[in-house]
């Protein structure tokens, strides 16, 4: 074989190796994004976890989020999960449909209910509420509040707790 052919073979092998390295890096970054997409944040209310959802919404992503929530609840002493939908990109919901969103949320709340965990939703925008109602998605029976703050106030009251300012 001449040198030119040998260089081409070496170049192809180098390209294949580089391609494999890039695929591994991409998989690693995708895993990091999945982990960051639904952080589980302990609340100031005992046994309560906050899950703020942001970004693009898809059926696959919601399934990942559901698995993450269910596994986190099983590991922690949690009796309430507050899911904040404020940061969800509602254009994505238009693509997958409001019935699909409703079904996914119902499945999540049913799974958590079987585990003895209450689910509270916050952050429904006026536009989302209107679209859910108009779509006849059957989106009902979910405990929800306009903001995370109002949900915490109600939860504290329900648990017979309150936050007091310390006098200096």
Foldseek 3Di string as FASTA:
>chain_A
DDPVVVVVVVVVVVVVVVVVVVVVVVVVVVVVCLDVQWDWDDDPPPQETETEGADEDDPVSLVSNLVVVLVVSVVDSHAEYEYEDQHYDCVNCVVVDLLSVLVSVVVSQVSSVVVNHAYEYERQDPVNVVRNVVRVSVNDDHHYDHHPVVVVVVVCVVVVHDDDDDDD
